[in-house]
Amino acid sequence: MGFRFRKRIRIAPGLAINISKSGVSTSIGGKGSTINIGKKGVKMTNGLPGTGLSHTTNLYSPGKSTVKKQLTPTQKIIRNILFVIIVFIIIKAQYF
């Protein structure tokens, strides 16, 4: 049986440092949407709080091909909306 180690240290509302056996990463965001930056790349997780449902997208992975696919106009709009929501969550969390 393998042992696991994870520790999350909250630096500020919406900002945390995650420490585990495999390394250190940083999480930005709050309930519903989080961006995690670590040695395996950048991942964005969107979910419905309280339901256990979430979806994770790799935004960047080191060592992968640097050829980027073009985003469709709909994907650009969704990306921008998610960015605004994340910023809003972070700002709102600072006041509560």
N, C-alpha and C. Protein backbone atom coordinates (compact mmCIF):
# COMPACT_ATOMS: atom_id res chain seq x y z
N MET A 1 0.85 -1.16 0.00
CA MET A 1 0.00 0.00 0.00
C MET A 1 0.90 1.23 0.00
N GLY A 2 0.61 2.20 -0.90
CA GLY A 2 1.40 3.42 -0.99
C GLY A 2 0.87 4.49 -0.05
N PHE A 3 1.77 5.32 0.41
CA PHE A 3 1.40 6.43 1.27
C PHE A 3 1.24 7.68 0.43
N ARG A 4 0.30 8.52 0.84
CA ARG A 4 0.08 9.79 0.17
C ARG A 4 0.35 10.91 1.15
N PHE A 5 0.83 12.02 0.63
CA PHE A 5 1.02 13.20 1.46
C PHE A 5 0.56 14.41 0.66
N ARG A 6 -0.35 15.17 1.24
CA ARG A 6 -0.82 16.42 0.63
C ARG A 6 -1.08 17.43 1.72
N LYS A 7 -0.66 18.65 1.48
CA LYS A 7 -0.92 19.74 2.42
C LYS A 7 -1.23 20.99 1.62
N ARG A 8 -2.29 21.66 1.96
CA ARG A 8 -2.68 22.91 1.29
C ARG A 8 -2.52 24.04 2.29
N ILE A 9 -1.76 25.07 1.90
CA ILE A 9 -1.56 26.24 2.75
C ILE A 9 -2.20 27.42 2.06
N ARG A 10 -3.20 27.99 2.71
CA ARG A 10 -3.89 29.14 2.13
C ARG A 10 -3.08 30.40 2.41
N ILE A 11 -2.70 31.09 1.35
CA ILE A 11 -1.93 32.32 1.45
C ILE A 11 -2.85 33.52 1.58
N ALA A 12 -3.90 33.54 0.80
CA ALA A 12 -4.91 34.59 0.78
C ALA A 12 -6.18 33.97 0.22
N PRO A 13 -7.31 34.66 0.36
CA PRO A 13 -8.52 34.12 -0.25
C PRO A 13 -8.33 33.92 -1.75
N GLY A 14 -8.57 32.72 -2.21
CA GLY A 14 -8.43 32.42 -3.62
C GLY A 14 -7.01 32.06 -4.05
N LEU A 15 -6.07 31.96 -3.10
CA LEU A 15 -4.68 31.64 -3.43
C LEU A 15 -4.14 30.65 -2.41
N ALA A 16 -3.60 29.52 -2.91
CA ALA A 16 -3.09 28.49 -2.01
C ALA A 16 -1.84 27.85 -2.60
N ILE A 17 -0.99 27.35 -1.71
CA ILE A 17 0.17 26.56 -2.11
C ILE A 17 -0.12 25.13 -1.70
N ASN A 18 0.08 24.20 -2.64
CA ASN A 18 -0.17 22.78 -2.40
C ASN A 18 1.17 22.06 -2.33
N ILE A 19 1.38 21.28 -1.28
CA ILE A 19 2.62 20.54 -1.11
C ILE A 19 2.26 19.06 -1.07
N SER A 20 2.97 18.27 -1.88
CA SER A 20 2.74 16.83 -1.90
C SER A 20 4.05 16.10 -2.06
N LYS A 21 3.97 14.78 -2.05
CA LYS A 21 5.15 13.95 -2.25
C LYS A 21 5.83 14.25 -3.58
N SER A 22 5.05 14.57 -4.59
CA SER A 22 5.61 14.76 -5.92
C SER A 22 6.03 16.19 -6.22
N GLY A 23 5.78 17.14 -5.32
CA GLY A 23 6.23 18.50 -5.56
C GLY A 23 5.31 19.56 -4.99
N VAL A 24 5.53 20.79 -5.46
CA VAL A 24 4.78 21.95 -4.98
C VAL A 24 4.03 22.56 -6.16
N SER A 25 2.81 23.04 -5.90
CA SER A 25 2.04 23.73 -6.93
C SER A 25 1.27 24.87 -6.29
N THR A 26 0.71 25.73 -7.14
CA THR A 26 -0.06 26.88 -6.68
C THR A 26 -1.45 26.80 -7.28
N SER A 27 -2.46 27.08 -6.46
CA SER A 27 -3.85 27.10 -6.93
C SER A 27 -4.39 28.52 -6.80
N ILE A 28 -5.06 28.97 -7.87
CA ILE A 28 -5.68 30.28 -7.88
C ILE A 28 -7.14 30.09 -8.22
N GLY A 29 -8.03 30.66 -7.41
CA GLY A 29 -9.46 30.56 -7.66
C GLY A 29 -10.19 30.12 -6.42
N GLY A 30 -11.45 29.86 -6.57
CA GLY A 30 -12.26 29.46 -5.44
C GLY A 30 -13.22 28.37 -5.84
N LYS A 31 -14.32 28.32 -5.14
CA LYS A 31 -15.32 27.30 -5.45
C LYS A 31 -15.83 27.50 -6.86
N GLY A 32 -15.88 26.43 -7.60
CA GLY A 32 -16.41 26.49 -8.96
C GLY A 32 -15.37 26.54 -10.05
N SER A 33 -14.25 27.23 -9.82
CA SER A 33 -13.25 27.34 -10.86
C SER A 33 -11.87 27.59 -10.25
N THR A 34 -10.91 26.77 -10.62
CA THR A 34 -9.55 26.87 -10.07
C THR A 34 -8.53 26.63 -11.17
N ILE A 35 -7.44 27.40 -11.12
CA ILE A 35 -6.31 27.17 -12.00
C ILE A 35 -5.16 26.69 -11.13
N ASN A 36 -4.55 25.57 -11.51
CA ASN A 36 -3.45 24.99 -10.74
C ASN A 36 -2.19 25.03 -11.60
N ILE A 37 -1.12 25.60 -11.02
CA ILE A 37 0.16 25.73 -11.73
C ILE A 37 1.20 24.91 -10.99
N GLY A 38 1.77 23.92 -11.66
CA GLY A 38 2.76 23.04 -11.05
C GLY A 38 3.74 22.52 -12.08
N LYS A 39 4.58 21.57 -11.65
CA LYS A 39 5.62 21.08 -12.56
C LYS A 39 5.06 20.26 -13.72
N LYS A 40 3.84 19.76 -13.59
CA LYS A 40 3.22 19.00 -14.67
C LYS A 40 2.45 19.90 -15.64
N GLY A 41 2.45 21.21 -15.38
CA GLY A 41 1.80 22.14 -16.28
C GLY A 41 0.74 22.97 -15.60
N VAL A 42 -0.14 23.55 -16.41
CA VAL A 42 -1.22 24.40 -15.92
C VAL A 42 -2.54 23.72 -16.23
N LYS A 43 -3.36 23.56 -15.21
CA LYS A 43 -4.65 22.89 -15.37
C LYS A 43 -5.76 23.81 -14.85
N MET A 44 -6.89 23.80 -15.53
CA MET A 44 -8.05 24.55 -15.07
C MET A 44 -9.16 23.56 -14.76
N THR A 45 -9.75 23.70 -13.58
CA THR A 45 -10.84 22.83 -13.16
C THR A 45 -12.08 23.68 -12.93
N ASN A 46 -13.17 23.32 -13.58
CA ASN A 46 -14.46 23.98 -13.40
C ASN A 46 -15.43 22.94 -12.86
N GLY A 47 -16.21 23.34 -11.88
CA GLY A 47 -17.15 22.40 -11.30
C GLY A 47 -18.40 23.06 -10.77
N LEU A 48 -19.33 22.25 -10.35
CA LEU A 48 -20.55 22.71 -9.71
C LEU A 48 -20.41 22.44 -8.23
N PRO A 49 -20.17 23.49 -7.42
CA PRO A 49 -19.94 23.29 -5.99
C PRO A 49 -21.07 22.51 -5.32
N GLY A 50 -20.69 21.58 -4.48
CA GLY A 50 -21.65 20.78 -3.73
C GLY A 50 -22.16 19.55 -4.44
N THR A 51 -21.82 19.39 -5.72
CA THR A 51 -22.33 18.24 -6.47
C THR A 51 -21.28 17.15 -6.67
N GLY A 52 -20.01 17.52 -6.59
CA GLY A 52 -18.94 16.56 -6.87
C GLY A 52 -18.64 16.43 -8.35
N LEU A 53 -19.32 17.22 -9.19
CA LEU A 53 -19.09 17.19 -10.63
C LEU A 53 -18.08 18.26 -11.01
N SER A 54 -17.06 17.86 -11.78
CA SER A 54 -16.08 18.84 -12.24
C SER A 54 -15.43 18.35 -13.53
N HIS A 55 -14.79 19.26 -14.22
CA HIS A 55 -14.09 18.96 -15.46
C HIS A 55 -12.73 19.65 -15.42
N THR A 56 -11.65 18.93 -15.73
CA THR A 56 -10.31 19.49 -15.72
C THR A 56 -9.78 19.55 -17.15
N THR A 57 -9.18 20.69 -17.49
CA THR A 57 -8.61 20.91 -18.80
C THR A 57 -7.13 21.24 -18.64
N ASN A 58 -6.28 20.60 -19.43
CA ASN A 58 -4.86 20.95 -19.44
C ASN A 58 -4.69 22.19 -20.31
N LEU A 59 -4.18 23.27 -19.71
CA LEU A 59 -3.93 24.49 -20.47
C LEU A 59 -2.52 24.50 -21.04
N TYR A 60 -1.59 23.87 -20.31
CA TYR A 60 -0.20 23.80 -20.77
C TYR A 60 0.46 22.61 -20.11
N SER A 61 1.21 21.84 -20.89
CA SER A 61 1.98 20.72 -20.35
C SER A 61 3.41 20.83 -20.86
N PRO A 62 4.39 20.88 -19.95
CA PRO A 62 5.78 20.98 -20.42
C PRO A 62 6.18 19.73 -21.17
N GLY A 63 7.02 19.90 -22.19
CA GLY A 63 7.49 18.76 -22.96
C GLY A 63 6.58 18.37 -24.10
N LYS A 64 5.42 18.93 -24.16
CA LYS A 64 4.50 18.64 -25.27
C LYS A 64 4.86 19.51 -26.46
N SER A 65 4.32 19.20 -27.59
CA SER A 65 4.56 19.96 -28.81
C SER A 65 4.14 21.41 -28.60
N THR A 66 4.90 22.33 -29.17
CA THR A 66 4.58 23.74 -29.01
C THR A 66 3.61 24.24 -30.07
N VAL A 67 3.13 23.35 -30.92
CA VAL A 67 2.15 23.74 -31.94
C VAL A 67 0.82 23.96 -31.23
N LYS A 68 0.29 25.17 -31.38
CA LYS A 68 -0.98 25.49 -30.73
C LYS A 68 -2.11 25.42 -31.74
N LYS A 69 -3.21 24.85 -31.32
CA LYS A 69 -4.36 24.84 -32.21
C LYS A 69 -5.11 26.17 -32.05
N GLN A 70 -5.70 26.60 -33.11
CA GLN A 70 -6.45 27.85 -33.10
C GLN A 70 -7.78 27.65 -32.38
N LEU A 71 -8.13 28.61 -31.53
CA LEU A 71 -9.41 28.56 -30.85
C LEU A 71 -10.49 29.13 -31.76
N THR A 72 -11.66 28.52 -31.71
CA THR A 72 -12.78 29.06 -32.46
C THR A 72 -13.29 30.30 -31.73
N PRO A 73 -14.05 31.16 -32.40
CA PRO A 73 -14.59 32.34 -31.72
C PRO A 73 -15.42 31.99 -30.48
N THR A 74 -16.16 30.89 -30.52
CA THR A 74 -16.94 30.47 -29.36
C THR A 74 -16.03 30.09 -28.20
N GLN A 75 -14.94 29.38 -28.49
CA GLN A 75 -14.01 29.00 -27.43
C GLN A 75 -13.34 30.23 -26.83
N LYS A 76 -13.04 31.23 -27.64
CA LYS A 76 -12.45 32.47 -27.12
C LYS A 76 -13.41 33.19 -26.19
N ILE A 77 -14.68 33.22 -26.56
CA ILE A 77 -15.69 33.87 -25.71
C ILE A 77 -15.82 33.14 -24.39
N ILE A 78 -15.88 31.80 -24.44
CA ILE A 78 -15.99 31.01 -23.21
C ILE A 78 -14.76 31.22 -22.33
N ARG A 79 -13.57 31.23 -22.93
CA ARG A 79 -12.33 31.46 -22.18
C ARG A 79 -12.37 32.82 -21.48
N ASN A 80 -12.81 33.85 -22.19
CA ASN A 80 -12.87 35.19 -21.60
C ASN A 80 -13.90 35.28 -20.48
N ILE A 81 -15.04 34.63 -20.66
CA ILE A 81 -16.07 34.63 -19.61
C ILE A 81 -15.54 33.93 -18.37
N LEU A 82 -14.87 32.79 -18.54
CA LEU A 82 -14.31 32.07 -17.39
C LEU A 82 -13.25 32.91 -16.68
N PHE A 83 -12.44 33.64 -17.44
CA PHE A 83 -11.43 34.49 -16.84
C PHE A 83 -12.09 35.57 -15.97
N VAL A 84 -13.14 36.20 -16.50
CA VAL A 84 -13.84 37.25 -15.74
C VAL A 84 -14.46 36.65 -14.48
N ILE A 85 -15.04 35.47 -14.58
CA ILE A 85 -15.64 34.82 -13.41
C ILE A 85 -14.58 34.53 -12.35
N ILE A 86 -13.41 34.03 -12.77
CA ILE A 86 -12.34 33.73 -11.82
C ILE A 86 -11.87 35.00 -11.12
N VAL A 87 -11.67 36.06 -11.88
CA VAL A 87 -11.25 37.33 -11.28
C VAL A 87 -12.31 37.82 -10.30
N PHE A 88 -13.57 37.72 -10.67
CA PHE A 88 -14.65 38.14 -9.79
C PHE A 88 -14.66 37.34 -8.49
N ILE A 89 -14.47 36.02 -8.59
CA ILE A 89 -14.44 35.17 -7.40
C ILE A 89 -13.29 35.56 -6.49
N ILE A 90 -12.13 35.80 -7.06
CA ILE A 90 -10.96 36.17 -6.26
C ILE A 90 -11.20 37.51 -5.56
N ILE A 91 -11.73 38.49 -6.29
CA ILE A 91 -11.97 39.81 -5.70
C ILE A 91 -13.04 39.71 -4.62
N LYS A 92 -14.11 38.97 -4.89
CA LYS A 92 -15.19 38.82 -3.91
C LYS A 92 -14.70 38.10 -2.65
N ALA A 93 -13.84 37.10 -2.82
CA ALA A 93 -13.33 36.33 -1.68
C ALA A 93 -12.46 37.21 -0.77
N GLN A 94 -11.85 38.23 -1.31
CA GLN A 94 -10.99 39.09 -0.50
C GLN A 94 -11.80 39.94 0.47
N TYR A 95 -13.08 40.19 0.18
CA TYR A 95 -13.91 41.03 1.02
C TYR A 95 -14.80 40.25 1.98
N PHE A 96 -14.73 38.91 1.92
CA PHE A 96 -15.55 38.10 2.83
C PHE A 96 -14.71 37.16 3.62
